[in-house]
N, C-alpha and C. Protein backbone atom coordinates (compact mmCIF):
# COMPACT_ATOMS: atom_id res chain seq x y z
N VAL A 1 -26.79 30.81 144.57
CA VAL A 1 -25.93 31.53 143.59
C VAL A 1 -24.61 32.14 144.42
N GLN A 2 -23.54 31.66 144.13
CA GLN A 2 -22.39 32.15 144.93
C GLN A 2 -21.36 32.15 144.36
N LEU A 3 -20.34 33.27 144.26
CA LEU A 3 -19.43 33.57 143.55
C LEU A 3 -18.37 33.99 144.65
N VAL A 4 -16.83 33.38 144.90
CA VAL A 4 -16.29 33.79 145.71
C VAL A 4 -14.91 33.67 145.23
N GLU A 5 -14.18 34.91 144.96
CA GLU A 5 -13.12 35.18 144.66
C GLU A 5 -11.90 34.70 145.50
N SER A 6 -10.66 34.85 145.20
CA SER A 6 -9.62 34.52 146.10
C SER A 6 -8.11 34.83 145.38
N GLY A 7 -6.97 35.08 146.25
CA GLY A 7 -5.89 35.25 145.30
C GLY A 7 -5.51 36.60 145.15
N GLY A 8 -6.25 37.55 145.81
CA GLY A 8 -5.55 38.93 146.00
C GLY A 8 -4.53 38.97 147.06
N ASP A 9 -3.56 39.90 147.00
CA ASP A 9 -2.57 39.96 147.55
C ASP A 9 -1.75 41.34 147.44
N LEU A 10 -0.73 41.49 148.59
CA LEU A 10 0.10 42.57 147.93
C LEU A 10 1.18 42.28 147.39
N VAL A 11 1.50 42.77 146.02
CA VAL A 11 2.82 42.28 145.21
C VAL A 11 3.65 43.51 144.93
N GLN A 12 4.82 43.17 144.24
CA GLN A 12 5.80 44.20 143.92
C GLN A 12 5.34 44.68 142.57
N PRO A 13 5.87 45.84 142.19
CA PRO A 13 5.91 46.21 140.90
C PRO A 13 6.31 44.86 139.87
N GLY A 14 6.04 44.68 138.72
CA GLY A 14 6.59 44.04 137.85
C GLY A 14 6.12 42.28 137.97
N GLY A 15 5.69 41.98 139.43
CA GLY A 15 5.14 40.78 139.88
C GLY A 15 3.94 40.14 139.21
N SER A 16 3.32 38.99 139.60
CA SER A 16 2.33 38.32 139.32
C SER A 16 1.45 37.44 140.12
N LEU A 17 -0.01 37.46 139.79
CA LEU A 17 -0.89 36.86 140.62
C LEU A 17 -1.64 36.23 139.68
N ARG A 18 -2.17 35.06 140.45
CA ARG A 18 -3.42 34.58 139.81
C ARG A 18 -4.62 34.57 140.68
N LEU A 19 -5.56 35.00 140.13
CA LEU A 19 -6.89 35.29 140.94
C LEU A 19 -8.13 33.93 140.39
N SER A 20 -8.79 33.75 141.38
CA SER A 20 -9.52 32.30 141.20
C SER A 20 -10.90 32.91 141.45
N CYS A 21 -12.13 32.37 140.87
CA CYS A 21 -13.71 32.56 141.23
C CYS A 21 -14.09 31.27 141.57
N ASP A 22 -14.44 31.00 142.47
CA ASP A 22 -15.43 29.75 142.66
C ASP A 22 -16.64 29.98 142.67
N CYS A 23 -17.21 29.41 141.79
CA CYS A 23 -18.82 29.56 141.11
C CYS A 23 -19.74 28.28 141.63
N ARG A 24 -20.70 28.66 142.35
CA ARG A 24 -21.53 27.25 143.14
C ARG A 24 -23.11 27.77 142.84
N GLY A 25 -23.87 26.61 142.82
CA GLY A 25 -25.31 26.94 142.66
C GLY A 25 -25.70 27.23 141.68
N PHE A 26 -25.05 26.93 140.51
CA PHE A 26 -25.66 27.41 139.24
C PHE A 26 -24.80 26.51 138.11
N THR A 27 -25.64 26.64 137.09
CA THR A 27 -24.83 25.76 135.45
C THR A 27 -23.80 26.54 135.00
N PHE A 28 -23.09 26.38 135.76
CA PHE A 28 -21.54 27.49 135.43
C PHE A 28 -21.31 27.31 133.99
N SER A 29 -21.23 26.23 133.35
CA SER A 29 -20.83 26.36 131.75
C SER A 29 -21.71 26.85 130.85
N ARG A 30 -23.18 27.57 131.55
CA ARG A 30 -24.02 28.17 130.74
C ARG A 30 -23.97 29.67 130.93
N PHE A 31 -22.97 30.39 131.33
CA PHE A 31 -22.52 31.42 131.70
C PHE A 31 -21.45 31.98 131.21
N GLY A 32 -21.43 33.49 130.59
CA GLY A 32 -20.16 34.06 130.35
C GLY A 32 -19.66 34.66 131.70
N VAL A 33 -18.38 34.83 131.84
CA VAL A 33 -17.72 35.25 132.90
C VAL A 33 -16.67 36.23 132.94
N SER A 34 -16.69 37.42 133.85
CA SER A 34 -15.91 38.41 133.50
C SER A 34 -15.19 38.83 134.72
N TRP A 35 -14.07 39.74 134.60
CA TRP A 35 -13.31 40.07 135.84
C TRP A 35 -13.65 41.40 135.43
N TYR A 36 -13.93 42.32 136.70
CA TYR A 36 -14.04 43.63 136.76
C TYR A 36 -13.10 44.37 137.83
N ARG A 37 -12.70 45.54 137.92
CA ARG A 37 -11.90 45.95 138.72
C ARG A 37 -12.51 47.45 139.28
N GLN A 38 -12.21 47.59 140.62
CA GLN A 38 -12.36 48.88 140.87
C GLN A 38 -11.62 49.62 141.89
N ALA A 39 -10.76 50.51 141.55
CA ALA A 39 -10.10 51.32 142.21
C ALA A 39 -10.64 52.25 143.03
N PRO A 40 -9.97 52.98 144.27
CA PRO A 40 -10.58 53.82 145.28
C PRO A 40 -10.84 55.16 144.01
N GLY A 41 -11.93 55.71 144.29
CA GLY A 41 -12.38 56.78 143.48
C GLY A 41 -12.79 56.77 142.09
N LYS A 42 -12.59 55.47 141.47
CA LYS A 42 -12.60 55.21 140.11
C LYS A 42 -13.80 54.46 139.92
N GLU A 43 -14.31 54.54 138.48
CA GLU A 43 -15.36 53.63 138.03
C GLU A 43 -14.94 52.18 138.17
N ARG A 44 -15.96 51.50 138.15
CA ARG A 44 -15.79 49.73 138.01
C ARG A 44 -15.48 49.73 136.64
N GLU A 45 -14.21 48.97 136.30
CA GLU A 45 -13.67 48.78 134.97
C GLU A 45 -13.77 47.38 134.51
N LEU A 46 -14.38 47.33 133.49
CA LEU A 46 -13.95 45.60 132.60
C LEU A 46 -12.68 45.31 132.49
N VAL A 47 -12.20 44.13 133.10
CA VAL A 47 -10.93 43.88 132.60
C VAL A 47 -10.78 42.68 131.67
N ALA A 48 -11.68 41.88 131.65
CA ALA A 48 -11.72 40.66 130.48
C ALA A 48 -13.13 39.87 130.50
N ILE A 49 -13.57 39.40 129.64
CA ILE A 49 -14.50 38.29 129.49
C ILE A 49 -14.01 37.15 128.55
N ILE A 50 -14.95 35.98 129.21
CA ILE A 50 -14.42 34.82 128.60
C ILE A 50 -16.02 34.16 128.09
N ILE A 51 -16.11 33.79 126.96
CA ILE A 51 -17.46 33.35 126.97
C ILE A 51 -17.94 31.61 127.58
N SER A 52 -18.91 31.24 127.58
CA SER A 52 -19.09 29.91 128.28
C SER A 52 -18.64 28.75 127.93
N SER A 53 -18.08 28.63 126.73
CA SER A 53 -17.30 27.55 126.37
C SER A 53 -15.95 27.69 126.28
N GLY A 54 -15.32 29.05 126.50
CA GLY A 54 -13.88 29.44 127.10
C GLY A 54 -13.22 29.59 125.84
N SER A 55 -13.86 29.43 124.48
CA SER A 55 -13.08 29.41 123.30
C SER A 55 -12.79 30.52 122.87
N ARG A 56 -13.10 32.00 123.61
CA ARG A 56 -12.89 32.75 123.12
C ARG A 56 -12.82 33.88 124.48
N SER A 57 -12.08 35.09 124.26
CA SER A 57 -11.89 36.25 125.19
C SER A 57 -11.80 37.36 124.73
N THR A 58 -11.98 38.25 125.60
CA THR A 58 -11.48 39.93 125.00
C THR A 58 -10.71 40.49 126.45
N TYR A 59 -9.78 41.48 126.12
CA TYR A 59 -9.58 42.08 127.35
C TYR A 59 -9.56 43.93 127.11
N ALA A 60 -9.67 44.68 128.21
CA ALA A 60 -9.45 45.69 128.38
C ALA A 60 -7.81 46.04 127.39
N ASP A 61 -7.61 47.32 126.94
CA ASP A 61 -6.68 47.56 126.30
C ASP A 61 -5.49 47.76 127.12
N SER A 62 -5.68 48.00 128.67
CA SER A 62 -5.32 48.41 129.69
C SER A 62 -4.04 47.21 130.39
N VAL A 63 -5.14 46.16 130.07
CA VAL A 63 -4.32 44.84 130.15
C VAL A 63 -3.92 43.73 129.41
N LYS A 64 -4.36 43.98 128.03
CA LYS A 64 -3.89 43.29 127.15
C LYS A 64 -2.36 42.85 127.01
N GLY A 65 -2.22 41.57 126.67
CA GLY A 65 -0.62 40.95 126.76
C GLY A 65 -0.13 40.71 128.06
N ARG A 66 -0.84 41.25 128.93
CA ARG A 66 -0.32 40.91 130.62
C ARG A 66 -1.11 40.14 131.27
N PHE A 67 -2.65 40.10 131.01
CA PHE A 67 -3.37 39.31 132.05
C PHE A 67 -4.15 38.55 130.77
N THR A 68 -4.74 37.23 131.41
CA THR A 68 -5.15 35.99 131.07
C THR A 68 -6.28 35.40 131.59
N ILE A 69 -7.46 35.56 131.17
CA ILE A 69 -8.55 34.77 131.60
C ILE A 69 -8.89 33.39 131.20
N SER A 70 -9.20 32.87 131.79
CA SER A 70 -9.52 31.28 131.51
C SER A 70 -10.53 30.63 132.61
N ARG A 71 -11.20 29.41 132.17
CA ARG A 71 -12.17 28.82 132.96
C ARG A 71 -11.94 27.45 132.87
N ASP A 72 -12.64 26.92 133.51
CA ASP A 72 -12.55 25.11 133.91
C ASP A 72 -14.23 24.78 134.42
N ASN A 73 -14.64 24.60 133.31
CA ASN A 73 -16.05 24.43 133.84
C ASN A 73 -16.51 22.96 134.44
N ALA A 74 -15.48 22.04 134.14
CA ALA A 74 -15.41 20.80 135.08
C ALA A 74 -15.46 21.28 136.50
N LYS A 75 -14.86 22.19 136.84
CA LYS A 75 -14.48 22.51 138.31
C LYS A 75 -14.91 23.58 138.71
N ASN A 76 -16.23 24.38 137.49
CA ASN A 76 -16.91 25.64 137.81
C ASN A 76 -15.99 26.43 138.67
N MET A 77 -14.86 26.77 137.99
CA MET A 77 -13.61 28.06 138.37
C MET A 77 -13.46 29.03 137.14
N ALA A 78 -13.14 29.94 137.55
CA ALA A 78 -12.74 30.90 136.45
C ALA A 78 -11.46 31.83 137.15
N TYR A 79 -10.66 31.87 135.78
CA TYR A 79 -9.16 32.36 136.73
C TYR A 79 -8.74 33.78 135.89
N LEU A 80 -8.03 34.54 136.56
CA LEU A 80 -7.28 35.68 135.71
C LEU A 80 -5.97 35.34 136.50
N GLN A 81 -4.82 35.35 135.39
CA GLN A 81 -3.61 35.36 135.53
C GLN A 81 -3.09 36.79 135.41
N MET A 82 -2.30 37.43 135.95
CA MET A 82 -1.91 38.82 136.14
C MET A 82 -0.61 38.99 135.83
N ASN A 83 -0.02 39.11 134.95
CA ASN A 83 1.80 39.34 135.02
C ASN A 83 2.17 40.68 134.52
N SER A 84 3.33 41.03 134.86
CA SER A 84 4.00 42.49 134.76
C SER A 84 2.79 43.55 135.48
N LEU A 85 2.95 43.20 136.78
CA LEU A 85 1.86 44.15 137.36
C LEU A 85 2.49 45.49 137.80
N GLY A 86 1.33 46.44 137.83
CA GLY A 86 2.01 47.59 137.88
C GLY A 86 1.11 48.75 139.13
N PRO A 87 1.57 49.40 139.23
CA PRO A 87 0.76 50.35 140.87
C PRO A 87 -0.63 50.81 140.26
N GLU A 88 -0.91 50.66 139.03
CA GLU A 88 -2.24 51.13 138.39
C GLU A 88 -3.08 50.07 138.13
N ASP A 89 -2.59 48.81 138.50
CA ASP A 89 -3.49 47.45 138.60
C ASP A 89 -3.97 47.65 140.04
N THR A 90 -3.52 48.24 140.92
CA THR A 90 -4.11 48.34 142.46
C THR A 90 -5.58 48.64 142.26
N ALA A 91 -6.57 47.44 142.66
CA ALA A 91 -7.89 47.66 142.97
C ALA A 91 -8.61 46.35 143.64
N VAL A 92 -9.44 46.46 143.98
CA VAL A 92 -10.38 45.42 143.98
C VAL A 92 -11.11 44.67 142.99
N TYR A 93 -10.60 43.31 142.96
CA TYR A 93 -11.24 42.79 141.48
C TYR A 93 -12.35 41.88 141.81
N LEU A 94 -13.29 42.01 140.87
CA LEU A 94 -14.65 41.57 141.03
C LEU A 94 -15.08 40.51 140.06
N CYS A 95 -15.49 39.18 140.05
CA CYS A 95 -15.82 37.94 139.45
C CYS A 95 -17.30 38.36 138.92
N ASN A 96 -17.62 38.18 137.68
CA ASN A 96 -19.04 38.40 137.68
C ASN A 96 -19.37 37.09 136.55
N ALA A 97 -20.53 36.59 136.78
CA ALA A 97 -21.30 35.33 135.77
C ALA A 97 -22.57 35.78 135.31
N ARG A 98 -22.73 35.99 134.09
CA ARG A 98 -23.98 36.33 133.58
C ARG A 98 -24.33 35.76 132.08
N ASN A 99 -25.66 35.58 132.02
CA ASN A 99 -26.07 34.89 130.89
C ASN A 99 -27.58 35.59 130.67
N SER A 100 -28.40 35.44 130.04
CA SER A 100 -29.56 36.25 129.45
C SER A 100 -30.68 36.56 130.70
N LEU A 101 -30.72 35.69 131.43
CA LEU A 101 -31.61 35.53 132.66
C LEU A 101 -30.90 36.12 134.03
N TYR A 102 -29.54 35.89 134.24
CA TYR A 102 -29.13 36.38 135.40
C TYR A 102 -27.79 36.94 135.27
N ASP A 103 -27.51 37.47 136.34
CA ASP A 103 -26.18 38.46 136.54
C ASP A 103 -25.87 38.47 138.01
N CYS A 104 -24.63 37.74 138.21
CA CYS A 104 -23.81 37.34 139.65
C CYS A 104 -22.58 37.76 139.85
N TRP A 105 -22.73 38.26 141.25
CA TRP A 105 -21.41 39.00 141.33
C TRP A 105 -20.97 38.58 142.70
N GLY A 106 -19.44 38.12 142.74
CA GLY A 106 -18.64 38.05 143.64
C GLY A 106 -18.59 39.39 144.89
N ARG A 107 -18.01 39.08 145.68
CA ARG A 107 -17.56 40.71 146.72
C ARG A 107 -16.16 41.18 146.26
N GLY A 108 -15.50 40.38 145.68
CA GLY A 108 -14.11 40.68 145.44
C GLY A 108 -12.83 40.55 145.99
N THR A 109 -11.85 40.32 145.64
CA THR A 109 -10.59 40.59 146.02
C THR A 109 -9.55 41.33 145.92
N GLN A 110 -8.81 41.78 146.78
CA GLN A 110 -8.05 43.31 147.04
C GLN A 110 -6.37 42.82 146.51
N VAL A 111 -6.25 43.43 145.02
CA VAL A 111 -4.77 43.37 144.76
C VAL A 111 -4.30 44.54 145.04
N THR A 112 -2.80 44.88 145.47
CA THR A 112 -2.47 45.86 145.62
C THR A 112 -1.02 45.84 145.24
N VAL A 113 -0.63 46.69 144.31
CA VAL A 113 0.77 46.45 143.80
C VAL A 113 1.77 48.04 144.12
N SER A 114 2.59 47.33 145.04
CA SER A 114 3.27 48.31 145.82
C SER A 114 4.86 47.88 146.21
N SER A 115 5.55 48.88 146.03
CA SER A 115 7.04 48.30 146.45
C SER A 115 7.13 48.90 147.84
């Protein structure tokens, strides 16, 4: 089982990024997927969740209206589109795939929002 995040970068305030999570070694379509983030000195925060079918998603209040989670079960990929980024969004972003039996994590990708 392997989850590999990519797409993190240094971006100016107000900018956008799209994170990707490449999921391999398991039946991706049977797992819910979440994006978390962890900033230095802070607890890990749940950002967004999308269910296995992709038909429903939920968001933290702090990103609602700015971030969009999506998935492509045919490609075993999950995404996080992030718009209107601010310095408060600076963190390591981690992908998680979970079902009743398994809880899988990637190593994260760094997003830094700074001018």
